[in-house]
Amino acid sequence: MAQPITSKTVVVTGGSRGIGLGLVKKFLSRNNTVIATSRKSAEAYQLHELRKQYPERLILTDVDTSAAASIAEWAQDMKEARGVKHIDVLVNNAGVYGRRPELLDFEEEDFLFAFRTNSMGPFFVVQQLLKQELMGSTPDLPGGTSLIANISSVVGSNTEKTVSAVMKGGFAYRFGGVWSGGASKAALNVMTTTLARDLAPQGIQVVALHPGYVKTDMT
C-alpha cells in the first residue's frame, strides 16, 4: 500500500484555487513544506489565509507557467533567494481550458494558449528545476529521489471509451473546448511517459494523474 507523503518539500503549480488549492491544503495537513505558485500571489487570498495557519511551511511564489522565461527566473529564485535545497514532490497542476468556441470560430491563439500552459509549461518547470539541481539525485543529495505528478484530464484521453463519450455528448463533450484543451492534455500525457523513461536513472518518478470530475471555477 502506498504511503502518504509527509514531511517533504512539495511544489504545487496553480495552487491558488481549485484542485491546486485542495492539494496545498492536504499536503500542509500532512506536515509537508509547500511551495504554492500562482500568477499573482498577492491576490491569492485563500493562500494568504492558509499561511496564517502555516507560516513556516507555506511559501507563496509568483510564476507565469505559460512563459519559459518566467519559469527560469522562478526556478533560479527558488534556489538562490529562497534557499530551497531539494524538491521531493512536484505537482504540475496549473492548467487552462481557454476559450471554448465552435470549430469554425477557433483561432491560432486558442491552441497556443492551451499548449503553452498545459504542455510546454510543465516541461519547462521540470527542465528548469533540473538545471538548478533541485530534483532527484543531485551533487548535494546523492541518491535523492523525487516524484513528478502531471495533472491531466479525461479530455486528453484517446481511448475508445472516452471518444465514445465525446461522440455521444457525454462527460468530456460537456466541457467544450476539447480542440485545444484535449490536444494539449494528450501532449502532456505523451510527455509524461517520455520524462518517466528519461528521468528514471536520476531517481525521478513521473506520473500523470486524472483526478476525475472536480467542481471548480473551470468546470
N, C-alpha and C. Protein backbone atom coordinates (compact mmCIF):
# COMPACT_ATOMS: atom_id res chain seq x y z
N MET A 1 0.84 -1.19 0.00
CA MET A 1 0.00 0.00 0.00
C MET A 1 0.88 1.25 0.00
N ALA A 2 0.52 2.22 -0.86
CA ALA A 2 1.30 3.45 -0.93
C ALA A 2 1.21 4.22 0.39
N GLN A 3 2.34 4.80 0.77
CA GLN A 3 2.39 5.57 2.00
C GLN A 3 2.06 7.03 1.72
N PRO A 4 1.37 7.73 2.61
CA PRO A 4 1.09 9.15 2.41
C PRO A 4 2.38 9.97 2.41
N ILE A 5 2.36 11.05 1.67
CA ILE A 5 3.52 11.94 1.58
C ILE A 5 3.53 12.85 2.80
N THR A 6 4.56 12.74 3.61
CA THR A 6 4.66 13.54 4.83
C THR A 6 6.08 14.06 4.99
N SER A 7 6.19 15.24 5.61
CA SER A 7 7.49 15.84 5.97
C SER A 7 8.40 15.98 4.75
N LYS A 8 7.83 16.37 3.62
CA LYS A 8 8.59 16.57 2.39
C LYS A 8 8.48 18.02 1.94
N THR A 9 9.28 18.38 0.93
CA THR A 9 9.15 19.67 0.27
C THR A 9 8.40 19.47 -1.03
N VAL A 10 7.26 20.14 -1.15
CA VAL A 10 6.33 19.91 -2.26
C VAL A 10 6.09 21.22 -3.01
N VAL A 11 6.12 21.16 -4.34
CA VAL A 11 5.74 22.30 -5.17
C VAL A 11 4.40 21.99 -5.83
N VAL A 12 3.46 22.92 -5.75
CA VAL A 12 2.17 22.80 -6.44
C VAL A 12 2.01 24.02 -7.32
N THR A 13 2.05 23.84 -8.64
CA THR A 13 1.80 24.98 -9.53
C THR A 13 0.30 25.20 -9.64
N GLY A 14 -0.09 26.46 -9.83
CA GLY A 14 -1.51 26.76 -9.87
C GLY A 14 -2.19 26.43 -8.56
N GLY A 15 -1.55 26.84 -7.46
CA GLY A 15 -2.02 26.43 -6.14
C GLY A 15 -3.00 27.37 -5.47
N SER A 16 -3.50 28.36 -6.20
CA SER A 16 -4.33 29.38 -5.55
C SER A 16 -5.82 29.07 -5.58
N ARG A 17 -6.23 28.05 -6.35
CA ARG A 17 -7.66 27.76 -6.44
C ARG A 17 -7.86 26.32 -6.92
N GLY A 18 -9.11 25.88 -6.86
CA GLY A 18 -9.49 24.61 -7.43
C GLY A 18 -8.71 23.43 -6.89
N ILE A 19 -8.34 22.52 -7.79
CA ILE A 19 -7.60 21.32 -7.42
C ILE A 19 -6.29 21.69 -6.74
N GLY A 20 -5.60 22.69 -7.28
CA GLY A 20 -4.31 23.09 -6.70
C GLY A 20 -4.43 23.51 -5.25
N LEU A 21 -5.43 24.32 -4.95
CA LEU A 21 -5.64 24.77 -3.57
C LEU A 21 -5.97 23.59 -2.67
N GLY A 22 -6.78 22.67 -3.16
CA GLY A 22 -7.11 21.48 -2.38
C GLY A 22 -5.88 20.65 -2.07
N LEU A 23 -4.98 20.53 -3.05
CA LEU A 23 -3.74 19.79 -2.83
C LEU A 23 -2.85 20.49 -1.82
N VAL A 24 -2.75 21.81 -1.93
CA VAL A 24 -1.95 22.57 -0.97
C VAL A 24 -2.44 22.31 0.45
N LYS A 25 -3.74 22.38 0.65
CA LYS A 25 -4.31 22.14 1.99
C LYS A 25 -3.99 20.74 2.49
N LYS A 26 -4.13 19.75 1.63
CA LYS A 26 -3.89 18.36 2.04
C LYS A 26 -2.41 18.14 2.38
N PHE A 27 -1.52 18.65 1.54
CA PHE A 27 -0.09 18.48 1.81
C PHE A 27 0.31 19.17 3.12
N LEU A 28 -0.23 20.35 3.36
CA LEU A 28 0.08 21.05 4.61
C LEU A 28 -0.43 20.27 5.81
N SER A 29 -1.59 19.66 5.69
CA SER A 29 -2.16 18.92 6.81
C SER A 29 -1.32 17.70 7.18
N ARG A 30 -0.44 17.30 6.25
CA ARG A 30 0.42 16.13 6.50
C ARG A 30 1.86 16.54 6.78
N ASN A 31 2.03 17.75 7.27
CA ASN A 31 3.33 18.20 7.77
C ASN A 31 4.37 18.40 6.68
N ASN A 32 3.92 18.67 5.46
CA ASN A 32 4.85 18.99 4.38
C ASN A 32 5.11 20.49 4.31
N THR A 33 6.25 20.86 3.77
CA THR A 33 6.50 22.25 3.40
C THR A 33 6.05 22.42 1.96
N VAL A 34 5.18 23.38 1.70
CA VAL A 34 4.56 23.52 0.38
C VAL A 34 4.94 24.85 -0.25
N ILE A 35 5.43 24.78 -1.48
CA ILE A 35 5.68 25.97 -2.29
C ILE A 35 4.54 26.05 -3.30
N ALA A 36 3.66 27.02 -3.12
CA ALA A 36 2.49 27.17 -3.98
C ALA A 36 2.72 28.31 -4.97
N THR A 37 2.54 28.03 -6.25
CA THR A 37 2.73 29.07 -7.25
C THR A 37 1.39 29.58 -7.77
N SER A 38 1.41 30.83 -8.19
CA SER A 38 0.27 31.43 -8.89
C SER A 38 0.82 32.59 -9.70
N ARG A 39 0.02 33.10 -10.61
CA ARG A 39 0.48 34.23 -11.43
C ARG A 39 0.67 35.48 -10.58
N LYS A 40 -0.24 35.70 -9.64
CA LYS A 40 -0.17 36.88 -8.77
C LYS A 40 -0.48 36.45 -7.35
N SER A 41 0.57 36.07 -6.62
CA SER A 41 0.34 35.56 -5.27
C SER A 41 -0.25 36.61 -4.34
N ALA A 42 -0.03 37.89 -4.65
CA ALA A 42 -0.59 38.95 -3.81
C ALA A 42 -2.11 38.91 -3.81
N GLU A 43 -2.70 38.35 -4.87
CA GLU A 43 -4.15 38.27 -4.98
C GLU A 43 -4.70 36.89 -4.61
N ALA A 44 -3.82 36.00 -4.17
CA ALA A 44 -4.24 34.64 -3.79
C ALA A 44 -4.71 34.66 -2.34
N TYR A 45 -5.90 35.19 -2.13
CA TYR A 45 -6.37 35.48 -0.78
C TYR A 45 -6.52 34.22 0.08
N GLN A 46 -6.97 33.13 -0.52
CA GLN A 46 -7.14 31.90 0.27
C GLN A 46 -5.79 31.34 0.71
N LEU A 47 -4.77 31.51 -0.12
CA LEU A 47 -3.43 31.07 0.28
C LEU A 47 -2.89 31.93 1.42
N HIS A 48 -3.19 33.22 1.37
CA HIS A 48 -2.73 34.11 2.46
C HIS A 48 -3.41 33.73 3.78
N GLU A 49 -4.66 33.33 3.71
CA GLU A 49 -5.33 32.87 4.93
C GLU A 49 -4.70 31.58 5.45
N LEU A 50 -4.34 30.70 4.52
CA LEU A 50 -3.68 29.45 4.91
C LEU A 50 -2.32 29.72 5.55
N ARG A 51 -1.63 30.72 5.04
CA ARG A 51 -0.29 31.00 5.57
C ARG A 51 -0.35 31.48 7.02
N LYS A 52 -1.46 32.06 7.42
CA LYS A 52 -1.62 32.44 8.82
C LYS A 52 -1.61 31.19 9.71
N GLN A 53 -2.10 30.09 9.16
CA GLN A 53 -2.16 28.84 9.90
C GLN A 53 -0.83 28.08 9.82
N TYR A 54 -0.15 28.22 8.66
CA TYR A 54 1.11 27.50 8.45
C TYR A 54 2.21 28.48 8.02
N PRO A 55 2.58 29.42 8.86
CA PRO A 55 3.52 30.47 8.45
C PRO A 55 4.91 29.95 8.09
N GLU A 56 5.32 28.85 8.69
CA GLU A 56 6.67 28.33 8.45
C GLU A 56 6.72 27.33 7.30
N ARG A 57 5.56 26.80 6.90
CA ARG A 57 5.58 25.70 5.93
C ARG A 57 4.86 26.00 4.62
N LEU A 58 4.33 27.21 4.46
CA LEU A 58 3.69 27.58 3.19
C LEU A 58 4.43 28.76 2.58
N ILE A 59 4.98 28.54 1.39
CA ILE A 59 5.74 29.57 0.67
C ILE A 59 4.95 29.94 -0.58
N LEU A 60 4.67 31.22 -0.75
CA LEU A 60 3.91 31.70 -1.91
C LEU A 60 4.86 32.33 -2.92
N THR A 61 4.74 31.92 -4.16
CA THR A 61 5.64 32.42 -5.20
C THR A 61 4.86 32.77 -6.46
N ASP A 62 5.41 33.71 -7.23
CA ASP A 62 4.82 34.14 -8.49
C ASP A 62 5.54 33.46 -9.66
N VAL A 63 4.79 32.92 -10.59
CA VAL A 63 5.36 32.43 -11.84
C VAL A 63 4.25 32.32 -12.88
N ASP A 64 4.58 32.69 -14.10
CA ASP A 64 3.67 32.50 -15.23
C ASP A 64 4.09 31.22 -15.93
N THR A 65 3.36 30.14 -15.70
CA THR A 65 3.77 28.85 -16.23
C THR A 65 3.52 28.72 -17.73
N SER A 66 3.02 29.76 -18.37
CA SER A 66 2.89 29.75 -19.83
C SER A 66 4.09 30.41 -20.50
N ALA A 67 5.05 30.88 -19.71
CA ALA A 67 6.21 31.60 -20.24
C ALA A 67 7.50 30.98 -19.73
N ALA A 68 8.32 30.47 -20.63
CA ALA A 68 9.56 29.78 -20.25
C ALA A 68 10.50 30.70 -19.48
N ALA A 69 10.56 31.97 -19.86
CA ALA A 69 11.46 32.91 -19.18
C ALA A 69 11.04 33.12 -17.73
N SER A 70 9.74 33.21 -17.49
CA SER A 70 9.23 33.37 -16.13
C SER A 70 9.55 32.14 -15.29
N ILE A 71 9.43 30.97 -15.88
CA ILE A 71 9.72 29.73 -15.17
C ILE A 71 11.20 29.66 -14.80
N ALA A 72 12.07 30.05 -15.73
CA ALA A 72 13.51 30.01 -15.47
C ALA A 72 13.87 30.95 -14.32
N GLU A 73 13.30 32.13 -14.33
CA GLU A 73 13.56 33.10 -13.25
C GLU A 73 13.06 32.57 -11.91
N TRP A 74 11.90 31.95 -11.93
CA TRP A 74 11.32 31.39 -10.70
C TRP A 74 12.18 30.28 -10.13
N ALA A 75 12.63 29.36 -10.98
CA ALA A 75 13.44 28.24 -10.52
C ALA A 75 14.76 28.72 -9.92
N GLN A 76 15.36 29.71 -10.54
CA GLN A 76 16.60 30.27 -10.01
C GLN A 76 16.35 30.92 -8.65
N ASP A 77 15.23 31.61 -8.53
CA ASP A 77 14.87 32.25 -7.26
C ASP A 77 14.66 31.21 -6.17
N MET A 78 14.08 30.07 -6.53
CA MET A 78 13.86 29.02 -5.54
C MET A 78 15.17 28.61 -4.87
N LYS A 79 16.21 28.48 -5.68
CA LYS A 79 17.48 28.01 -5.15
C LYS A 79 18.30 29.13 -4.53
N GLU A 80 18.44 30.23 -5.24
CA GLU A 80 19.37 31.26 -4.81
C GLU A 80 18.80 32.21 -3.76
N ALA A 81 17.56 32.61 -3.92
CA ALA A 81 16.97 33.59 -2.99
C ALA A 81 16.24 32.92 -1.83
N ARG A 82 15.56 31.83 -2.11
CA ARG A 82 14.74 31.19 -1.07
C ARG A 82 15.44 30.01 -0.40
N GLY A 83 16.57 29.62 -0.94
CA GLY A 83 17.37 28.60 -0.28
C GLY A 83 16.81 27.20 -0.30
N VAL A 84 15.98 26.89 -1.30
CA VAL A 84 15.45 25.53 -1.42
C VAL A 84 16.59 24.59 -1.81
N LYS A 85 16.72 23.49 -1.09
CA LYS A 85 17.81 22.54 -1.34
C LYS A 85 17.38 21.37 -2.22
N HIS A 86 16.16 20.92 -2.04
CA HIS A 86 15.69 19.74 -2.79
C HIS A 86 14.17 19.73 -2.80
N ILE A 87 13.61 19.38 -3.96
CA ILE A 87 12.16 19.26 -4.09
C ILE A 87 11.82 17.77 -4.19
N ASP A 88 11.04 17.31 -3.24
CA ASP A 88 10.68 15.89 -3.19
C ASP A 88 9.51 15.57 -4.11
N VAL A 89 8.56 16.50 -4.19
CA VAL A 89 7.36 16.27 -4.99
C VAL A 89 7.04 17.54 -5.78
N LEU A 90 6.81 17.38 -7.08
CA LEU A 90 6.35 18.47 -7.93
C LEU A 90 5.01 18.07 -8.52
N VAL A 91 3.99 18.89 -8.28
CA VAL A 91 2.68 18.67 -8.90
C VAL A 91 2.46 19.76 -9.94
N ASN A 92 2.55 19.37 -11.21
CA ASN A 92 2.28 20.30 -12.30
C ASN A 92 0.77 20.36 -12.49
N ASN A 93 0.16 21.28 -11.76
CA ASN A 93 -1.30 21.39 -11.74
C ASN A 93 -1.83 22.55 -12.58
N ALA A 94 -1.05 23.61 -12.73
CA ALA A 94 -1.53 24.80 -13.45
C ALA A 94 -2.01 24.41 -14.85
N GLY A 95 -3.21 24.82 -15.19
CA GLY A 95 -3.76 24.47 -16.49
C GLY A 95 -4.90 25.40 -16.87
N VAL A 96 -5.25 25.36 -18.15
CA VAL A 96 -6.32 26.22 -18.66
C VAL A 96 -7.18 25.45 -19.65
N TYR A 97 -8.41 25.90 -19.81
CA TYR A 97 -9.24 25.48 -20.93
C TYR A 97 -9.29 26.57 -21.99
N GLY A 98 -9.21 27.81 -21.55
CA GLY A 98 -9.26 28.90 -22.51
C GLY A 98 -10.65 29.09 -23.09
N ARG A 99 -10.70 29.76 -24.23
CA ARG A 99 -11.99 29.96 -24.90
C ARG A 99 -12.53 28.62 -25.37
N ARG A 100 -13.85 28.56 -25.52
CA ARG A 100 -14.47 27.33 -26.00
C ARG A 100 -15.38 27.63 -27.19
N PRO A 101 -14.79 28.12 -28.28
CA PRO A 101 -15.60 28.50 -29.43
C PRO A 101 -15.99 27.28 -30.26
N GLU A 102 -16.91 27.51 -31.19
CA GLU A 102 -17.24 26.48 -32.16
C GLU A 102 -16.06 26.29 -33.11
N LEU A 103 -16.07 25.16 -33.80
CA LEU A 103 -14.94 24.80 -34.67
C LEU A 103 -14.59 25.91 -35.65
N LEU A 104 -15.58 26.48 -36.32
CA LEU A 104 -15.30 27.48 -37.35
C LEU A 104 -14.83 28.81 -36.78
N ASP A 105 -14.99 29.00 -35.49
CA ASP A 105 -14.56 30.25 -34.86
C ASP A 105 -13.21 30.11 -34.15
N PHE A 106 -12.62 28.92 -34.19
CA PHE A 106 -11.37 28.69 -33.47
C PHE A 106 -10.23 29.45 -34.13
N GLU A 107 -9.33 29.99 -33.31
CA GLU A 107 -8.21 30.77 -33.82
C GLU A 107 -6.88 30.17 -33.37
N GLU A 108 -5.82 30.56 -34.05
CA GLU A 108 -4.48 30.04 -33.75
C GLU A 108 -4.11 30.26 -32.29
N GLU A 109 -4.41 31.42 -31.75
CA GLU A 109 -4.03 31.74 -30.38
C GLU A 109 -4.74 30.84 -29.37
N ASP A 110 -5.91 30.32 -29.72
CA ASP A 110 -6.61 29.40 -28.82
C ASP A 110 -5.77 28.15 -28.59
N PHE A 111 -5.17 27.63 -29.64
CA PHE A 111 -4.29 26.48 -29.50
C PHE A 111 -3.03 26.84 -28.74
N LEU A 112 -2.41 27.94 -29.12
CA LEU A 112 -1.13 28.32 -28.50
C LEU A 112 -1.30 28.56 -27.00
N PHE A 113 -2.38 29.20 -26.61
CA PHE A 113 -2.62 29.49 -25.19
C PHE A 113 -2.70 28.20 -24.38
N ALA A 114 -3.44 27.22 -24.89
CA ALA A 114 -3.59 25.95 -24.18
C ALA A 114 -2.28 25.18 -24.13
N PHE A 115 -1.58 25.11 -25.26
CA PHE A 115 -0.34 24.33 -25.29
C PHE A 115 0.76 24.97 -24.46
N ARG A 116 0.83 26.29 -24.44
CA ARG A 116 1.87 26.95 -23.62
C ARG A 116 1.70 26.59 -22.14
N THR A 117 0.47 26.57 -21.68
CA THR A 117 0.23 26.34 -20.25
C THR A 117 0.15 24.85 -19.91
N ASN A 118 -0.60 24.09 -20.70
CA ASN A 118 -0.88 22.69 -20.35
C ASN A 118 0.22 21.72 -20.74
N SER A 119 0.98 22.03 -21.78
CA SER A 119 2.00 21.10 -22.27
C SER A 119 3.41 21.64 -22.06
N MET A 120 3.67 22.81 -22.60
CA MET A 120 5.02 23.38 -22.51
C MET A 120 5.35 23.81 -21.09
N GLY A 121 4.37 24.35 -20.37
CA GLY A 121 4.63 24.82 -19.01
C GLY A 121 5.19 23.73 -18.11
N PRO A 122 4.51 22.58 -17.98
CA PRO A 122 5.05 21.51 -17.15
C PRO A 122 6.44 21.06 -17.58
N PHE A 123 6.68 21.02 -18.89
CA PHE A 123 8.00 20.61 -19.37
C PHE A 123 9.08 21.57 -18.88
N PHE A 124 8.85 22.86 -19.03
CA PHE A 124 9.87 23.83 -18.66
C PHE A 124 10.03 23.95 -17.14
N VAL A 125 8.96 23.70 -16.39
CA VAL A 125 9.11 23.66 -14.93
C VAL A 125 10.08 22.54 -14.54
N VAL A 126 9.88 21.37 -15.12
CA VAL A 126 10.79 20.25 -14.85
C VAL A 126 12.20 20.58 -15.30
N GLN A 127 12.32 21.07 -16.52
CA GLN A 127 13.64 21.39 -17.07
C GLN A 127 14.41 22.36 -16.18
N GLN A 128 13.76 23.44 -15.77
CA GLN A 128 14.46 24.47 -15.01
C GLN A 128 14.80 24.01 -13.59
N LEU A 129 13.94 23.20 -12.99
CA LEU A 129 14.27 22.66 -11.66
C LEU A 129 15.44 21.69 -11.75
N LEU A 130 15.53 20.96 -12.86
CA LEU A 130 16.68 20.08 -13.08
C LEU A 130 17.96 20.90 -13.28
N LYS A 131 17.85 21.99 -14.01
CA LYS A 131 19.02 22.86 -14.22
C LYS A 131 19.54 23.41 -12.91
N GLN A 132 18.64 23.66 -11.98
CA GLN A 132 19.03 24.17 -10.67
C GLN A 132 19.43 23.04 -9.71
N GLU A 133 19.43 21.81 -10.20
CA GLU A 133 19.82 20.63 -9.41
C GLU A 133 18.99 20.51 -8.13
N LEU A 134 17.67 20.61 -8.31
CA LEU A 134 16.76 20.58 -7.17
C LEU A 134 15.91 19.32 -7.10
N MET A 135 16.09 18.41 -8.07
CA MET A 135 15.25 17.22 -8.09
C MET A 135 16.08 15.96 -8.29
N GLY A 136 15.60 14.87 -7.71
CA GLY A 136 16.26 13.59 -7.88
C GLY A 136 17.61 13.53 -7.21
N SER A 137 18.49 12.70 -7.75
CA SER A 137 19.84 12.58 -7.22
C SER A 137 20.67 13.77 -7.69
N THR A 138 21.21 14.53 -6.75
CA THR A 138 21.96 15.75 -7.06
C THR A 138 23.32 15.71 -6.36
N PRO A 139 24.24 16.61 -6.75
CA PRO A 139 25.53 16.66 -6.06
C PRO A 139 25.39 16.86 -4.55
N ASP A 140 24.39 17.65 -4.15
CA ASP A 140 24.17 17.88 -2.71
C ASP A 140 23.42 16.75 -2.04
N LEU A 141 22.73 15.93 -2.83
CA LEU A 141 21.94 14.84 -2.26
C LEU A 141 22.05 13.60 -3.15
N PRO A 142 23.23 12.96 -3.14
CA PRO A 142 23.39 11.73 -3.94
C PRO A 142 22.38 10.67 -3.51
N GLY A 143 21.77 10.05 -4.49
CA GLY A 143 20.76 9.04 -4.18
C GLY A 143 19.40 9.60 -3.84
N GLY A 144 19.24 10.92 -3.95
CA GLY A 144 17.95 11.54 -3.68
C GLY A 144 16.91 11.13 -4.71
N THR A 145 15.66 11.20 -4.31
CA THR A 145 14.56 10.84 -5.22
C THR A 145 13.52 11.95 -5.24
N SER A 146 12.76 11.99 -6.33
CA SER A 146 11.68 12.96 -6.46
C SER A 146 10.52 12.32 -7.22
N LEU A 147 9.35 12.88 -7.01
CA LEU A 147 8.14 12.46 -7.73
C LEU A 147 7.57 13.66 -8.46
N ILE A 148 7.28 13.47 -9.75
CA ILE A 148 6.61 14.50 -10.54
C ILE A 148 5.23 13.97 -10.92
N ALA A 149 4.19 14.70 -10.57
CA ALA A 149 2.82 14.32 -10.91
C ALA A 149 2.23 15.39 -11.81
N ASN A 150 1.94 15.03 -13.05
CA ASN A 150 1.33 15.94 -14.00
C ASN A 150 -0.18 15.73 -13.99
N ILE A 151 -0.92 16.78 -13.67
CA ILE A 151 -2.38 16.67 -13.62
C ILE A 151 -2.94 16.72 -15.03
N SER A 152 -3.52 15.62 -15.46
CA SER A 152 -4.06 15.51 -16.81
C SER A 152 -5.59 15.61 -16.76
N SER A 153 -6.25 15.09 -17.79
CA SER A 153 -7.71 15.24 -17.87
C SER A 153 -8.28 14.17 -18.78
N VAL A 154 -9.53 13.85 -18.57
CA VAL A 154 -10.21 12.89 -19.43
C VAL A 154 -10.25 13.38 -20.87
N VAL A 155 -10.26 14.69 -21.09
CA VAL A 155 -10.33 15.20 -22.46
C VAL A 155 -9.03 14.97 -23.21
N GLY A 156 -7.96 14.57 -22.52
CA GLY A 156 -6.70 14.25 -23.18
C GLY A 156 -6.56 12.78 -23.51
N SER A 157 -7.58 12.00 -23.21
CA SER A 157 -7.53 10.56 -23.47
C SER A 157 -8.09 10.25 -24.85
N ASN A 158 -7.45 9.32 -25.54
CA ASN A 158 -7.91 8.93 -26.87
C ASN A 158 -8.37 7.48 -26.89
N THR A 159 -8.76 6.98 -25.72
CA THR A 159 -9.25 5.60 -25.66
C THR A 159 -10.63 5.52 -26.28
N GLU A 160 -11.01 4.34 -26.67
CA GLU A 160 -12.31 4.13 -27.30
C GLU A 160 -13.45 4.60 -26.40
N LYS A 161 -13.32 4.34 -25.10
CA LYS A 161 -14.37 4.71 -24.15
C LYS A 161 -14.55 6.22 -24.09
N THR A 162 -13.42 6.95 -24.06
CA THR A 162 -13.51 8.40 -23.98
C THR A 162 -14.06 9.00 -25.27
N VAL A 163 -13.56 8.51 -26.40
CA VAL A 163 -14.04 9.02 -27.69
C VAL A 163 -15.53 8.77 -27.82
N SER A 164 -16.00 7.62 -27.38
CA SER A 164 -17.43 7.30 -27.43
C SER A 164 -18.23 8.29 -26.60
N ALA A 165 -17.70 8.65 -25.42
CA ALA A 165 -18.41 9.60 -24.56
C ALA A 165 -18.52 10.96 -25.23
N VAL A 166 -17.46 11.37 -25.91
CA VAL A 166 -17.47 12.66 -26.60
C VAL A 166 -18.50 12.64 -27.73
N MET A 167 -18.48 11.58 -28.52
CA MET A 167 -19.39 11.49 -29.66
C MET A 167 -20.85 11.47 -29.22
N LYS A 168 -21.12 10.92 -28.05
CA LYS A 168 -22.49 10.82 -27.55
C LYS A 168 -22.91 12.02 -26.71
N GLY A 169 -22.02 13.02 -26.63
CA GLY A 169 -22.37 14.20 -25.85
C GLY A 169 -22.26 13.96 -24.36
N GLY A 170 -21.35 13.09 -23.95
CA GLY A 170 -21.21 12.74 -22.55
C GLY A 170 -20.30 13.66 -21.78
N PHE A 171 -19.64 13.10 -20.76
CA PHE A 171 -18.84 13.87 -19.79
C PHE A 171 -17.87 14.83 -20.46
N ALA A 172 -17.01 14.29 -21.33
CA ALA A 172 -15.97 15.13 -21.93
C ALA A 172 -16.58 16.19 -22.84
N TYR A 173 -17.65 15.82 -23.56
CA TYR A 173 -18.25 16.75 -24.50
C TYR A 173 -18.78 17.99 -23.80
N ARG A 174 -19.31 17.82 -22.62
CA ARG A 174 -19.93 18.94 -21.92
C ARG A 174 -18.93 20.04 -21.59
N PHE A 175 -17.66 19.69 -21.54
CA PHE A 175 -16.67 20.70 -21.23
C PHE A 175 -16.42 21.64 -22.40
N GLY A 176 -16.67 21.19 -23.62
CA GLY A 176 -16.37 22.02 -24.77
C GLY A 176 -14.88 22.30 -24.84
N GLY A 177 -14.46 23.04 -25.86
CA GLY A 177 -13.06 23.44 -25.93
C GLY A 177 -12.09 22.30 -26.02
N VAL A 178 -12.57 21.11 -26.40
CA VAL A 178 -11.67 19.95 -26.44
C VAL A 178 -10.69 20.05 -27.59
N TRP A 179 -10.90 20.97 -28.50
CA TRP A 179 -9.94 21.14 -29.60
C TRP A 179 -8.56 21.44 -29.05
N SER A 180 -8.46 22.45 -28.23
CA SER A 180 -7.14 22.82 -27.69
C SER A 180 -6.89 22.16 -26.34
N GLY A 181 -7.88 22.14 -25.46
CA GLY A 181 -7.70 21.56 -24.14
C GLY A 181 -7.37 20.08 -24.22
N GLY A 182 -8.11 19.35 -25.05
CA GLY A 182 -7.86 17.92 -25.18
C GLY A 182 -6.52 17.62 -25.83
N ALA A 183 -6.21 18.34 -26.91
CA ALA A 183 -4.94 18.10 -27.60
C ALA A 183 -3.75 18.43 -26.70
N SER A 184 -3.86 19.51 -25.93
CA SER A 184 -2.73 19.90 -25.07
C SER A 184 -2.55 18.92 -23.91
N LYS A 185 -3.64 18.36 -23.39
CA LYS A 185 -3.52 17.36 -22.33
C LYS A 185 -3.02 16.02 -22.89
N ALA A 186 -3.40 15.70 -24.12
CA ALA A 186 -2.86 14.50 -24.76
C ALA A 186 -1.35 14.63 -24.94
N ALA A 187 -0.91 15.83 -25.32
CA ALA A 187 0.53 16.08 -25.44
C ALA A 187 1.22 15.93 -24.09
N LEU A 188 0.56 16.40 -23.03
CA LEU A 188 1.12 16.25 -21.68
C LEU A 188 1.27 14.77 -21.32
N ASN A 189 0.30 13.95 -21.71
CA ASN A 189 0.37 12.52 -21.41
C ASN A 189 1.58 11.87 -22.09
N VAL A 190 1.80 12.22 -23.35
CA VAL A 190 2.95 11.67 -24.08
C VAL A 190 4.25 12.15 -23.46
N MET A 191 4.30 13.43 -23.11
CA MET A 191 5.50 13.98 -22.48
C MET A 191 5.77 13.29 -21.15
N THR A 192 4.71 12.95 -20.42
CA THR A 192 4.88 12.29 -19.13
C THR A 192 5.57 10.94 -19.29
N THR A 193 5.14 10.15 -20.27
CA THR A 193 5.76 8.84 -20.47
C THR A 193 7.22 8.98 -20.90
N THR A 194 7.51 10.00 -21.70
CA THR A 194 8.89 10.23 -22.14
C THR A 194 9.77 10.66 -20.97
N LEU A 195 9.27 11.58 -20.16
CA LEU A 195 10.03 12.03 -18.99
C LEU A 195 10.24 10.88 -18.01
N ALA A 196 9.23 10.04 -17.84
CA ALA A 196 9.35 8.92 -16.92
C ALA A 196 10.50 8.01 -17.32
N ARG A 197 10.62 7.77 -18.60
CA ARG A 197 11.72 6.92 -19.09
C ARG A 197 13.07 7.62 -18.94
N ASP A 198 13.14 8.88 -19.33
CA ASP A 198 14.42 9.57 -19.36
C ASP A 198 14.94 9.95 -17.98
N LEU A 199 14.04 10.19 -17.02
CA LEU A 199 14.47 10.67 -15.71
C LEU A 199 14.61 9.57 -14.67
N ALA A 200 14.16 8.38 -14.98
CA ALA A 200 14.25 7.28 -14.02
C ALA A 200 15.67 7.05 -13.51
N PRO A 201 16.71 7.12 -14.38
CA PRO A 201 18.07 6.91 -13.88
C PRO A 201 18.52 7.96 -12.87
N GLN A 202 17.84 9.11 -12.84
CA GLN A 202 18.20 10.17 -11.89
C GLN A 202 17.40 10.09 -10.59
N GLY A 203 16.65 9.01 -10.43
CA GLY A 203 15.87 8.85 -9.21
C GLY A 203 14.58 9.64 -9.21
N ILE A 204 14.05 9.92 -10.40
CA ILE A 204 12.83 10.73 -10.52
C ILE A 204 11.72 9.89 -11.14
N GLN A 205 10.62 9.77 -10.44
CA GLN A 205 9.44 9.07 -10.94
C GLN A 205 8.47 10.10 -11.50
N VAL A 206 7.92 9.83 -12.67
CA VAL A 206 7.00 10.77 -13.33
C VAL A 206 5.69 10.05 -13.64
N VAL A 207 4.58 10.63 -13.22
CA VAL A 207 3.27 10.02 -13.47
C VAL A 207 2.29 11.09 -13.93
N ALA A 208 1.25 10.66 -14.62
CA ALA A 208 0.13 11.54 -14.98
C ALA A 208 -1.07 11.13 -14.13
N LEU A 209 -1.78 12.11 -13.61
CA LEU A 209 -2.95 11.86 -12.77
C LEU A 209 -4.19 12.49 -13.39
N HIS A 210 -5.24 11.69 -13.52
CA HIS A 210 -6.54 12.23 -13.90
C HIS A 210 -7.42 12.21 -12.66
N PRO A 211 -7.72 13.36 -12.09
CA PRO A 211 -8.43 13.38 -10.80
C PRO A 211 -9.91 13.10 -10.89
N GLY A 212 -10.44 12.92 -12.11
CA GLY A 212 -11.88 12.75 -12.24
C GLY A 212 -12.58 14.11 -12.22
N TYR A 213 -13.89 14.08 -12.21
CA TYR A 213 -14.64 15.33 -12.22
C TYR A 213 -14.52 16.02 -10.87
N VAL A 214 -14.04 17.25 -10.90
CA VAL A 214 -13.93 18.07 -9.69
C VAL A 214 -14.62 19.40 -9.98
N LYS A 215 -15.55 19.78 -9.14
CA LYS A 215 -16.28 21.02 -9.35
C LYS A 215 -15.43 22.21 -8.94
N THR A 216 -14.93 22.95 -9.93
CA THR A 216 -14.13 24.15 -9.69
C THR A 216 -14.65 25.26 -10.59
N ASP A 217 -14.01 26.43 -10.54
CA ASP A 217 -14.45 27.52 -11.40
C ASP A 217 -14.13 27.27 -12.86
N MET A 218 -13.30 26.25 -13.16
CA MET A 218 -13.01 25.90 -14.55
C MET A 218 -14.07 24.98 -15.13
N THR A 219 -14.84 24.31 -14.27
CA THR A 219 -15.82 23.35 -14.78
C THR A 219 -17.24 23.86 -14.64
